[in-house]
Amino acid sequence: KDHIEQIFEQNPAAVSHITWIIILPGSNSTPASIASSFGNLAA
C-alpha cells in the first residue's frame, strides 16, 4: 500500500483520472486504499 501511495502522492486528485473506478461523493478513498481493498479481497 505504501508503494502504491507513492505513485499518487504527487497528485492527490489523480484518482479522478481513473474514470473506470467511480468514487462516492465526499469519499476519502484514495487509489492506495482502493488497492488495499482489492488486495485484502485477494488475500
PDB file of all heavy atoms in Angstrom:
ATOM      1  N   LYS A   1       0.824  -1.208   0.000  1.00  0.00           N
ATOM      2  CA  LYS A   1       0.000   0.000   0.000  1.00  0.00           C
ATOM      3  C   LYS A   1       0.859   1.260   0.000  1.00  0.00           C
ATOM      4  O   LYS A   1       0.543   2.237  -0.693  1.00  0.00           O
ATOM      5  CB  LYS A   1      -0.916  -0.014   1.227  1.00  0.00           C
ATOM      6  CG  LYS A   1      -1.823   1.191   1.351  1.00  0.00           C
ATOM      7  CD  LYS A   1      -2.712   1.080   2.582  1.00  0.00           C
ATOM      8  CE  LYS A   1      -3.582   2.325   2.732  1.00  0.00           C
ATOM      9  NZ  LYS A   1      -4.464   2.246   3.918  1.00  0.00           N
ATOM     10  N   ASP A   2       1.957   1.249   0.744  1.00  0.00           N
ATOM     11  CA  ASP A   2       2.842   2.418   0.793  1.00  0.00           C
ATOM     12  C   ASP A   2       3.448   2.711  -0.568  1.00  0.00           C
ATOM     13  O   ASP A   2       3.570   3.878  -0.976  1.00  0.00           O
ATOM     14  CB  ASP A   2       3.958   2.194   1.818  1.00  0.00           C
ATOM     15  CG  ASP A   2       3.433   2.214   3.248  1.00  0.00           C
ATOM     16  OD1 ASP A   2       2.331   2.749   3.459  1.00  0.00           O
ATOM     17  OD2 ASP A   2       4.119   1.669   4.142  1.00  0.00           O
ATOM     18  N   HIS A   3       3.844   1.672  -1.290  1.00  0.00           N
ATOM     19  CA  HIS A   3       4.418   1.884  -2.620  1.00  0.00           C
ATOM     20  C   HIS A   3       3.377   2.428  -3.588  1.00  0.00           C
ATOM     21  O   HIS A   3       3.680   3.296  -4.416  1.00  0.00           O
ATOM     22  CB  HIS A   3       5.005   0.571  -3.155  1.00  0.00           C
ATOM     23  CG  HIS A   3       6.264   0.148  -2.473  1.00  0.00           C
ATOM     24  ND1 HIS A   3       6.467  -1.140  -2.015  1.00  0.00           N
ATOM     25  CD2 HIS A   3       7.379   0.845  -2.144  1.00  0.00           C
ATOM     26  CE1 HIS A   3       7.657  -1.224  -1.454  1.00  0.00           C
ATOM     27  NE2 HIS A   3       8.233  -0.028  -1.517  1.00  0.00           N
ATOM     28  N   ILE A   4       2.166   1.911  -3.486  1.00  0.00           N
ATOM     29  CA  ILE A   4       1.104   2.409  -4.371  1.00  0.00           C
ATOM     30  C   ILE A   4       0.787   3.870  -4.046  1.00  0.00           C
ATOM     31  O   ILE A   4       0.545   4.687  -4.936  1.00  0.00           O
ATOM     32  CB  ILE A   4      -0.145   1.527  -4.252  1.00  0.00           C
ATOM     33  CG1 ILE A   4       0.161   0.115  -4.769  1.00  0.00           C
ATOM     34  CG2 ILE A   4      -1.310   2.116  -5.020  1.00  0.00           C
ATOM     35  CD1 ILE A   4      -0.948  -0.881  -4.564  1.00  0.00           C
ATOM     36  N   GLU A   5       0.812   4.214  -2.768  1.00  0.00           N
ATOM     37  CA  GLU A   5       0.556   5.594  -2.360  1.00  0.00           C
ATOM     38  C   GLU A   5       1.564   6.545  -2.999  1.00  0.00           C
ATOM     39  O   GLU A   5       1.226   7.668  -3.385  1.00  0.00           O
ATOM     40  CB  GLU A   5       0.631   5.684  -0.837  1.00  0.00           C
ATOM     41  CG  GLU A   5       0.116   6.979  -0.256  1.00  0.00           C
ATOM     42  CD  GLU A   5      -1.386   7.087  -0.326  1.00  0.00           C
ATOM     43  OE1 GLU A   5      -2.086   6.216   0.217  1.00  0.00           O
ATOM     44  OE2 GLU A   5      -1.860   8.061  -0.943  1.00  0.00           O
ATOM     45  N   GLN A   6       2.816   6.085  -3.134  1.00  0.00           N
ATOM     46  CA  GLN A   6       3.842   6.931  -3.727  1.00  0.00           C
ATOM     47  C   GLN A   6       3.527   7.297  -5.179  1.00  0.00           C
ATOM     48  O   GLN A   6       3.905   8.370  -5.642  1.00  0.00           O
ATOM     49  CB  GLN A   6       5.204   6.224  -3.673  1.00  0.00           C
ATOM     50  CG  GLN A   6       5.775   6.062  -2.276  1.00  0.00           C
ATOM     51  CD  GLN A   6       7.091   5.315  -2.282  1.00  0.00           C
ATOM     52  OE1 GLN A   6       7.721   5.172  -3.335  1.00  0.00           O
ATOM     53  NE2 GLN A   6       7.513   4.835  -1.120  1.00  0.00           N
ATOM     54  N   ILE A   7       2.850   6.394  -5.870  1.00  0.00           N
ATOM     55  CA  ILE A   7       2.529   6.660  -7.275  1.00  0.00           C
ATOM     56  C   ILE A   7       1.639   7.886  -7.403  1.00  0.00           C
ATOM     57  O   ILE A   7       1.747   8.665  -8.367  1.00  0.00           O
ATOM     58  CB  ILE A   7       1.854   5.417  -7.906  1.00  0.00           C
ATOM     59  CG1 ILE A   7       2.815   4.213  -7.866  1.00  0.00           C
ATOM     60  CG2 ILE A   7       1.407   5.687  -9.332  1.00  0.00           C
ATOM     61  CD1 ILE A   7       2.178   2.919  -8.336  1.00  0.00           C
ATOM     62  N   PHE A   8       0.785   8.108  -6.402  1.00  0.00           N
ATOM     63  CA  PHE A   8      -0.209   9.174  -6.499  1.00  0.00           C
ATOM     64  C   PHE A   8       0.085  10.378  -5.603  1.00  0.00           C
ATOM     65  O   PHE A   8      -0.629  11.374  -5.684  1.00  0.00           O
ATOM     66  CB  PHE A   8      -1.590   8.620  -6.120  1.00  0.00           C
ATOM     67  CG  PHE A   8      -2.104   7.582  -7.084  1.00  0.00           C
ATOM     68  CD1 PHE A   8      -1.807   6.247  -6.902  1.00  0.00           C
ATOM     69  CD2 PHE A   8      -2.870   7.950  -8.184  1.00  0.00           C
ATOM     70  CE1 PHE A   8      -2.266   5.290  -7.789  1.00  0.00           C
ATOM     71  CE2 PHE A   8      -3.322   6.995  -9.073  1.00  0.00           C
ATOM     72  CZ  PHE A   8      -3.035   5.663  -8.885  1.00  0.00           C
ATOM     73  N   GLU A   9       1.129  10.312  -4.770  1.00  0.00           N
ATOM     74  CA  GLU A   9       1.287  11.375  -3.784  1.00  0.00           C
ATOM     75  C   GLU A   9       1.625  12.726  -4.412  1.00  0.00           C
ATOM     76  O   GLU A   9       1.356  13.776  -3.825  1.00  0.00           O
ATOM     77  CB  GLU A   9       2.320  10.980  -2.737  1.00  0.00           C
ATOM     78  CG  GLU A   9       3.740  10.882  -3.240  1.00  0.00           C
ATOM     79  CD  GLU A   9       4.712  10.527  -2.123  1.00  0.00           C
ATOM     80  OE1 GLU A   9       4.262  10.202  -1.006  1.00  0.00           O
ATOM     81  OE2 GLU A   9       5.932  10.583  -2.379  1.00  0.00           O
ATOM     82  N   GLN A  10       2.189  12.728  -5.625  1.00  0.00           N
ATOM     83  CA  GLN A  10       2.471  13.997  -6.280  1.00  0.00           C
ATOM     84  C   GLN A  10       1.207  14.667  -6.813  1.00  0.00           C
ATOM     85  O   GLN A  10       1.191  15.864  -7.074  1.00  0.00           O
ATOM     86  CB  GLN A  10       3.461  13.779  -7.434  1.00  0.00           C
ATOM     87  CG  GLN A  10       4.830  13.315  -6.990  1.00  0.00           C
ATOM     88  CD  GLN A  10       5.770  13.135  -8.173  1.00  0.00           C
ATOM     89  OE1 GLN A  10       5.624  13.786  -9.206  1.00  0.00           O
ATOM     90  NE2 GLN A  10       6.755  12.265  -8.021  1.00  0.00           N
ATOM     91  N   ASN A  11       0.139  13.861  -6.965  1.00  0.00           N
ATOM     92  CA  ASN A  11      -1.126  14.403  -7.489  1.00  0.00           C
ATOM     93  C   ASN A  11      -2.270  13.749  -6.744  1.00  0.00           C
ATOM     94  O   ASN A  11      -2.839  12.756  -7.207  1.00  0.00           O
ATOM     95  CB  ASN A  11      -1.238  14.127  -8.987  1.00  0.00           C
ATOM     96  CG  ASN A  11      -2.446  14.827  -9.607  1.00  0.00           C
ATOM     97  OD1 ASN A  11      -3.252  15.446  -8.905  1.00  0.00           O
ATOM     98  ND2 ASN A  11      -2.572  14.725 -10.927  1.00  0.00           N
ATOM     99  N   PRO A  12      -2.628  14.266  -5.551  1.00  0.00           N
ATOM    100  CA  PRO A  12      -3.655  13.640  -4.727  1.00  0.00           C
ATOM    101  C   PRO A  12      -4.998  13.510  -5.422  1.00  0.00           C
ATOM    102  O   PRO A  12      -5.786  12.631  -5.095  1.00  0.00           O
ATOM    103  CB  PRO A  12      -3.751  14.573  -3.513  1.00  0.00           C
ATOM    104  CG  PRO A  12      -2.437  15.286  -3.479  1.00  0.00           C
ATOM    105  CD  PRO A  12      -2.041  15.451  -4.914  1.00  0.00           C
ATOM    106  N   ALA A  13      -5.293  14.392  -6.371  1.00  0.00           N
ATOM    107  CA  ALA A  13      -6.585  14.332  -7.074  1.00  0.00           C
ATOM    108  C   ALA A  13      -6.544  13.412  -8.280  1.00  0.00           C
ATOM    109  O   ALA A  13      -7.488  13.370  -9.073  1.00  0.00           O
ATOM    110  CB  ALA A  13      -7.004  15.741  -7.507  1.00  0.00           C
ATOM    111  N   ALA A  14      -5.457  12.651  -8.408  1.00  0.00           N
ATOM    112  CA  ALA A  14      -5.283  11.843  -9.617  1.00  0.00           C
ATOM    113  C   ALA A  14      -6.326  10.755  -9.758  1.00  0.00           C
ATOM    114  O   ALA A  14      -6.549  10.238 -10.849  1.00  0.00           O
ATOM    115  CB  ALA A  14      -3.894  11.217  -9.623  1.00  0.00           C
ATOM    116  N   VAL A  15      -6.992  10.414  -8.634  1.00  0.00           N
ATOM    117  CA  VAL A  15      -7.991   9.356  -8.729  1.00  0.00           C
ATOM    118  C   VAL A  15      -9.102   9.727  -9.708  1.00  0.00           C
ATOM    119  O   VAL A  15      -9.759   8.866 -10.302  1.00  0.00           O
ATOM    120  CB  VAL A  15      -8.565   9.046  -7.328  1.00  0.00           C
ATOM    121  CG1 VAL A  15      -9.411  10.206  -6.809  1.00  0.00           C
ATOM    122  CG2 VAL A  15      -9.385   7.757  -7.343  1.00  0.00           C
ATOM    123  N   SER A  16      -9.316  11.027  -9.914  1.00  0.00           N
ATOM    124  CA  SER A  16     -10.355  11.463 -10.855  1.00  0.00           C
ATOM    125  C   SER A  16     -10.007  11.100 -12.288  1.00  0.00           C
ATOM    126  O   SER A  16     -10.881  11.069 -13.161  1.00  0.00           O
ATOM    127  CB  SER A  16     -10.563  12.982 -10.733  1.00  0.00           C
ATOM    128  OG  SER A  16      -9.363  13.684 -11.055  1.00  0.00           O
ATOM    129  N   HIS A  17      -8.738  10.836 -12.558  1.00  0.00           N
ATOM    130  CA  HIS A  17      -8.329  10.453 -13.917  1.00  0.00           C
ATOM    131  C   HIS A  17      -8.513   8.958 -14.166  1.00  0.00           C
ATOM    132  O   HIS A  17      -8.348   8.502 -15.298  1.00  0.00           O
ATOM    133  CB  HIS A  17      -6.856  10.834 -14.143  1.00  0.00           C
ATOM    134  CG  HIS A  17      -6.608  12.311 -14.076  1.00  0.00           C
ATOM    135  ND1 HIS A  17      -6.853  13.165 -15.132  1.00  0.00           N
ATOM    136  CD2 HIS A  17      -6.150  13.093 -13.063  1.00  0.00           C
ATOM    137  CE1 HIS A  17      -6.550  14.409 -14.787  1.00  0.00           C
ATOM    138  NE2 HIS A  17      -6.118  14.391 -13.522  1.00  0.00           N
ATOM    139  N   ILE A  18      -8.834   8.230 -13.114  1.00  0.00           N
ATOM    140  CA  ILE A  18      -9.133   6.801 -13.292  1.00  0.00           C
ATOM    141  C   ILE A  18     -10.646   6.692 -13.419  1.00  0.00           C
ATOM    142  O   ILE A  18     -11.369   6.485 -12.451  1.00  0.00           O
ATOM    143  CB  ILE A  18      -8.583   5.971 -12.110  1.00  0.00           C
ATOM    144  CG1 ILE A  18      -7.079   6.213 -11.949  1.00  0.00           C
ATOM    145  CG2 ILE A  18      -8.853   4.484 -12.317  1.00  0.00           C
ATOM    146  CD1 ILE A  18      -6.454   5.475 -10.779  1.00  0.00           C
ATOM    147  N   THR A  19     -11.131   6.888 -14.623  1.00  0.00           N
ATOM    148  CA  THR A  19     -12.579   7.019 -14.859  1.00  0.00           C
ATOM    149  C   THR A  19     -13.329   5.713 -14.721  1.00  0.00           C
ATOM    150  O   THR A  19     -14.564   5.726 -14.638  1.00  0.00           O
ATOM    151  CB  THR A  19     -12.817   7.593 -16.262  1.00  0.00           C
ATOM    152  OG1 THR A  19     -12.185   6.724 -17.230  1.00  0.00           O
ATOM    153  CG2 THR A  19     -12.218   8.990 -16.388  1.00  0.00           C
ATOM    154  N   TRP A  20     -12.650   4.608 -14.704  1.00  0.00           N
ATOM    155  CA  TRP A  20     -13.325   3.308 -14.630  1.00  0.00           C
ATOM    156  C   TRP A  20     -13.521   2.853 -13.189  1.00  0.00           C
ATOM    157  O   TRP A  20     -14.001   1.761 -12.948  1.00  0.00           O
ATOM    158  CB  TRP A  20     -12.562   2.244 -15.426  1.00  0.00           C
ATOM    159  CG  TRP A  20     -11.086   2.479 -15.485  1.00  0.00           C
ATOM    160  CD1 TRP A  20     -10.405   3.244 -16.377  1.00  0.00           C
ATOM    161  CD2 TRP A  20     -10.097   1.956 -14.581  1.00  0.00           C
ATOM    162  NE1 TRP A  20      -9.062   3.241 -16.107  1.00  0.00           N
ATOM    163  CE2 TRP A  20      -8.839   2.451 -15.014  1.00  0.00           C
ATOM    164  CE3 TRP A  20     -10.153   1.126 -13.473  1.00  0.00           C
ATOM    165  CZ2 TRP A  20      -7.658   2.138 -14.370  1.00  0.00           C
ATOM    166  CZ3 TRP A  20      -8.976   0.810 -12.830  1.00  0.00           C
ATOM    167  CH2 TRP A  20      -7.740   1.313 -13.273  1.00  0.00           C
ATOM    168  N   ILE A  21     -13.115   3.698 -12.219  1.00  0.00           N
ATOM    169  CA  ILE A  21     -13.454   3.496 -10.813  1.00  0.00           C
ATOM    170  C   ILE A  21     -14.207   4.739 -10.349  1.00  0.00           C
ATOM    171  O   ILE A  21     -13.662   5.852 -10.388  1.00  0.00           O
ATOM    172  CB  ILE A  21     -12.207   3.283  -9.929  1.00  0.00           C
ATOM    173  CG1 ILE A  21     -11.457   2.023 -10.350  1.00  0.00           C
ATOM    174  CG2 ILE A  21     -12.613   3.159  -8.461  1.00  0.00           C
ATOM    175  CD1 ILE A  21     -10.224   1.729  -9.516  1.00  0.00           C
ATOM    176  N   ILE A  22     -15.481   4.566  -9.981  1.00  0.00           N
ATOM    177  CA  ILE A  22     -16.316   5.697  -9.585  1.00  0.00           C
ATOM    178  C   ILE A  22     -16.398   5.737  -8.066  1.00  0.00           C
ATOM    179  O   ILE A  22     -16.869   4.787  -7.438  1.00  0.00           O
ATOM    180  CB  ILE A  22     -17.726   5.580 -10.205  1.00  0.00           C
ATOM    181  CG1 ILE A  22     -17.615   5.558 -11.743  1.00  0.00           C
ATOM    182  CG2 ILE A  22     -18.617   6.717  -9.734  1.00  0.00           C
ATOM    183  CD1 ILE A  22     -18.936   5.353 -12.441  1.00  0.00           C
ATOM    184  N   ILE A  23     -15.931   6.862  -7.504  1.00  0.00           N
ATOM    185  CA  ILE A  23     -15.877   7.028  -6.061  1.00  0.00           C
ATOM    186  C   ILE A  23     -17.096   7.806  -5.593  1.00  0.00           C
ATOM    187  O   ILE A  23     -17.576   8.731  -6.266  1.00  0.00           O
ATOM    188  CB  ILE A  23     -14.585   7.762  -5.649  1.00  0.00           C
ATOM    189  CG1 ILE A  23     -13.363   7.013  -6.208  1.00  0.00           C
ATOM    190  CG2 ILE A  23     -14.486   7.884  -4.133  1.00  0.00           C
ATOM    191  CD1 ILE A  23     -13.234   5.599  -5.717  1.00  0.00           C
ATOM    192  N   LEU A  24     -17.629   7.437  -4.435  1.00  0.00           N
ATOM    193  CA  LEU A  24     -18.781   8.139  -3.872  1.00  0.00           C
ATOM    194  C   LEU A  24     -18.431   9.604  -3.585  1.00  0.00           C
ATOM    195  O   LEU A  24     -17.306   9.907  -3.162  1.00  0.00           O
ATOM    196  CB  LEU A  24     -19.220   7.463  -2.567  1.00  0.00           C
ATOM    197  CG  LEU A  24     -19.985   6.142  -2.683  1.00  0.00           C
ATOM    198  CD1 LEU A  24     -20.152   5.535  -1.287  1.00  0.00           C
ATOM    199  CD2 LEU A  24     -21.344   6.359  -3.335  1.00  0.00           C
ATOM    200  N   PRO A  25     -19.369  10.512  -3.793  1.00  0.00           N
ATOM    201  CA  PRO A  25     -19.114  11.917  -3.460  1.00  0.00           C
ATOM    202  C   PRO A  25     -18.779  12.063  -1.974  1.00  0.00           C
ATOM    203  O   PRO A  25     -19.435  11.484  -1.119  1.00  0.00           O
ATOM    204  CB  PRO A  25     -20.449  12.608  -3.792  1.00  0.00           C
ATOM    205  CG  PRO A  25     -21.101  11.709  -4.782  1.00  0.00           C
ATOM    206  CD  PRO A  25     -20.693  10.318  -4.412  1.00  0.00           C
ATOM    207  N   GLY A  26     -17.732  12.811  -1.689  1.00  0.00           N
ATOM    208  CA  GLY A  26     -17.317  13.034  -0.309  1.00  0.00           C
ATOM    209  C   GLY A  26     -16.517  11.901   0.282  1.00  0.00           C
ATOM    210  O   GLY A  26     -16.144  11.942   1.457  1.00  0.00           O
ATOM    211  N   SER A  27     -16.235  10.862  -0.510  1.00  0.00           N
ATOM    212  CA  SER A  27     -15.477   9.726   0.000  1.00  0.00           C
ATOM    213  C   SER A  27     -14.021  10.114   0.204  1.00  0.00           C
ATOM    214  O   SER A  27     -13.467  10.932  -0.530  1.00  0.00           O
ATOM    215  CB  SER A  27     -15.567   8.541  -0.975  1.00  0.00           C
ATOM    216  OG  SER A  27     -14.697   7.517  -0.592  1.00  0.00           O
ATOM    217  N   ASN A  28     -13.412   9.518   1.217  1.00  0.00           N
ATOM    218  CA  ASN A  28     -11.989   9.762   1.463  1.00  0.00           C
ATOM    219  C   ASN A  28     -11.125   8.675   0.851  1.00  0.00           C
ATOM    220  O   ASN A  28      -9.973   8.503   1.222  1.00  0.00           O
ATOM    221  CB  ASN A  28     -11.721   9.863   2.963  1.00  0.00           C
ATOM    222  CG  ASN A  28     -12.089   8.575   3.698  1.00  0.00           C
ATOM    223  OD1 ASN A  28     -12.651   7.657   3.109  1.00  0.00           O
ATOM    224  ND2 ASN A  28     -11.785   8.530   5.000  1.00  0.00           N
ATOM    225  N   SER A  29     -11.680   7.923  -0.080  1.00  0.00           N
ATOM    226  CA  SER A  29     -10.922   6.844  -0.714  1.00  0.00           C
ATOM    227  C   SER A  29      -9.793   7.402  -1.558  1.00  0.00           C
ATOM    228  O   SER A  29      -9.923   8.435  -2.221  1.00  0.00           O
ATOM    229  CB  SER A  29     -11.844   5.990  -1.593  1.00  0.00           C
ATOM    230  OG  SER A  29     -12.787   5.315  -0.812  1.00  0.00           O
ATOM    231  N   THR A  30      -8.683   6.701  -1.524  1.00  0.00           N
ATOM    232  CA  THR A  30      -7.525   7.026  -2.354  1.00  0.00           C
ATOM    233  C   THR A  30      -7.193   5.798  -3.181  1.00  0.00           C
ATOM    234  O   THR A  30      -7.648   4.684  -2.867  1.00  0.00           O
ATOM    235  CB  THR A  30      -6.309   7.396  -1.489  1.00  0.00           C
ATOM    236  OG1 THR A  30      -5.911   6.233  -0.746  1.00  0.00           O
ATOM    237  CG2 THR A  30      -6.634   8.540  -0.536  1.00  0.00           C
ATOM    238  N   PRO A  31      -6.407   5.948  -4.249  1.00  0.00           N
ATOM    239  CA  PRO A  31      -6.016   4.757  -5.010  1.00  0.00           C
ATOM    240  C   PRO A  31      -5.365   3.695  -4.137  1.00  0.00           C
ATOM    241  O   PRO A  31      -5.572   2.513  -4.326  1.00  0.00           O
ATOM    242  CB  PRO A  31      -5.032   5.325  -6.042  1.00  0.00           C
ATOM    243  CG  PRO A  31      -5.476   6.737  -6.245  1.00  0.00           C
ATOM    244  CD  PRO A  31      -5.939   7.191  -4.888  1.00  0.00           C
ATOM    245  N   ALA A  32      -4.573   4.150  -3.140  1.00  0.00           N
ATOM    246  CA  ALA A  32      -3.907   3.176  -2.269  1.00  0.00           C
ATOM    247  C   ALA A  32      -4.912   2.411  -1.423  1.00  0.00           C
ATOM    248  O   ALA A  32      -4.808   1.199  -1.250  1.00  0.00           O
ATOM    249  CB  ALA A  32      -2.899   3.882  -1.365  1.00  0.00           C
ATOM    250  N   SER A  33      -5.924   3.128  -0.890  1.00  0.00           N
ATOM    251  CA  SER A  33      -6.930   2.437  -0.081  1.00  0.00           C
ATOM    252  C   SER A  33      -7.786   1.534  -0.949  1.00  0.00           C
ATOM    253  O   SER A  33      -8.225   0.473  -0.512  1.00  0.00           O
ATOM    254  CB  SER A  33      -7.799   3.456   0.663  1.00  0.00           C
ATOM    255  OG  SER A  33      -8.551   4.235  -0.256  1.00  0.00           O
ATOM    256  N   ILE A  34      -8.023   1.963  -2.194  1.00  0.00           N
ATOM    257  CA  ILE A  34      -8.763   1.105  -3.127  1.00  0.00           C
ATOM    258  C   ILE A  34      -7.966  -0.169  -3.404  1.00  0.00           C
ATOM    259  O   ILE A  34      -8.480  -1.286  -3.361  1.00  0.00           O
ATOM    260  CB  ILE A  34      -9.055   1.860  -4.442  1.00  0.00           C
ATOM    261  CG1 ILE A  34      -9.991   3.032  -4.169  1.00  0.00           C
ATOM    262  CG2 ILE A  34      -9.655   0.917  -5.480  1.00  0.00           C
ATOM    263  CD1 ILE A  34     -10.139   3.973  -5.336  1.00  0.00           C
ATOM    264  N   ALA A  35      -6.666   0.008  -3.662  1.00  0.00           N
ATOM    265  CA  ALA A  35      -5.807  -1.155  -3.908  1.00  0.00           C
ATOM    266  C   ALA A  35      -5.779  -2.068  -2.704  1.00  0.00           C
ATOM    267  O   ALA A  35      -5.785  -3.289  -2.821  1.00  0.00           O
ATOM    268  CB  ALA A  35      -4.388  -0.694  -4.252  1.00  0.00           C
ATOM    269  N   SER A  36      -5.764  -1.459  -1.511  1.00  0.00           N
ATOM    270  CA  SER A  36      -5.770  -2.252  -0.275  1.00  0.00           C
ATOM    271  C   SER A  36      -7.038  -3.068  -0.176  1.00  0.00           C
ATOM    272  O   SER A  36      -7.019  -4.231   0.237  1.00  0.00           O
ATOM    273  CB  SER A  36      -5.628  -1.323   0.933  1.00  0.00           C
ATOM    274  OG  SER A  36      -5.681  -2.057   2.132  1.00  0.00           O
ATOM    275  N   SER A  37      -8.163  -2.467  -0.580  1.00  0.00           N
ATOM    276  CA  SER A  37      -9.436  -3.188  -0.538  1.00  0.00           C
ATOM    277  C   SER A  37      -9.401  -4.399  -1.443  1.00  0.00           C
ATOM    278  O   SER A  37      -9.783  -5.501  -1.057  1.00  0.00           O
ATOM    279  CB  SER A  37     -10.577  -2.258  -0.957  1.00  0.00           C
ATOM    280  OG  SER A  37     -10.670  -1.153  -0.095  1.00  0.00           O
ATOM    281  N   PHE A  38      -8.921  -4.192  -2.667  1.00  0.00           N
ATOM    282  CA  PHE A  38      -8.836  -5.317  -3.593  1.00  0.00           C
ATOM    283  C   PHE A  38      -7.794  -6.330  -3.129  1.00  0.00           C
ATOM    284  O   PHE A  38      -7.977  -7.533  -3.248  1.00  0.00           O
ATOM    285  CB  PHE A  38      -8.478  -4.816  -5.000  1.00  0.00           C
ATOM    286  CG  PHE A  38      -9.619  -4.175  -5.715  1.00  0.00           C
ATOM    287  CD1 PHE A  38      -9.690  -2.798  -5.847  1.00  0.00           C
ATOM    288  CD2 PHE A  38     -10.641  -4.938  -6.240  1.00  0.00           C
ATOM    289  CE1 PHE A  38     -10.739  -2.197  -6.516  1.00  0.00           C
ATOM    290  CE2 PHE A  38     -11.700  -4.348  -6.905  1.00  0.00           C
ATOM    291  CZ  PHE A  38     -11.758  -2.966  -7.043  1.00  0.00           C
ATOM    292  N   GLY A  39      -6.693  -5.818  -2.564  1.00  0.00           N
ATOM    293  CA  GLY A  39      -5.650  -6.712  -2.085  1.00  0.00           C
ATOM    294  C   GLY A  39      -6.130  -7.585  -0.951  1.00  0.00           C
ATOM    295  O   GLY A  39      -5.837  -8.767  -0.883  1.00  0.00           O
ATOM    296  N   ASN A  40      -6.920  -7.012  -0.035  1.00  0.00           N
ATOM    297  CA  ASN A  40      -7.474  -7.794   1.065  1.00  0.00           C
ATOM    298  C   ASN A  40      -8.414  -8.855   0.550  1.00  0.00           C
ATOM    299  O   ASN A  40      -8.447  -9.983   1.025  1.00  0.00           O
ATOM    300  CB  ASN A  40      -8.221  -6.881   2.046  1.00  0.00           C
ATOM    301  CG  ASN A  40      -7.270  -6.035   2.860  1.00  0.00           C
ATOM    302  OD1 ASN A  40      -6.093  -6.341   2.958  1.00  0.00           O
ATOM    303  ND2 ASN A  40      -7.778  -4.944   3.419  1.00  0.00           N
ATOM    304  N   LEU A  41      -9.178  -8.477  -0.464  1.00  0.00           N
ATOM    305  CA  LEU A  41     -10.088  -9.447  -1.076  1.00  0.00           C
ATOM    306  C   LEU A  41      -9.299 -10.617  -1.640  1.00  0.00           C
ATOM    307  O   LEU A  41      -9.624 -11.775  -1.425  1.00  0.00           O
ATOM    308  CB  LEU A  41     -10.900  -8.771  -2.188  1.00  0.00           C
ATOM    309  CG  LEU A  41     -11.747  -9.707  -3.063  1.00  0.00           C
ATOM    310  CD1 LEU A  41     -12.907 -10.260  -2.266  1.00  0.00           C
ATOM    311  CD2 LEU A  41     -12.240  -8.981  -4.295  1.00  0.00           C
ATOM    312  N   ALA A  42      -8.217 -10.305  -2.335  1.00  0.00           N
ATOM    313  CA  ALA A  42      -7.404 -11.369  -2.925  1.00  0.00           C
ATOM    314  C   ALA A  42      -6.765 -12.246  -1.872  1.00  0.00           C
ATOM    315  O   ALA A  42      -6.762 -13.466  -1.964  1.00  0.00           O
ATOM    316  CB  ALA A  42      -6.327 -10.744  -3.815  1.00  0.00           C
ATOM    317  N   ALA A  43      -6.217 -11.593  -0.824  1.00  0.00           N
ATOM    318  CA  ALA A  43      -5.504 -12.350   0.210  1.00  0.00           C
ATOM    319  C   ALA A  43      -6.425 -13.266   0.979  1.00  0.00           C
ATOM    320  O   ALA A  43      -6.064 -14.385   1.327  1.00  0.00           O
ATOM    321  CB  ALA A  43      -4.819 -11.388   1.177  1.00  0.00           C
TER     322      ALA A  43
END
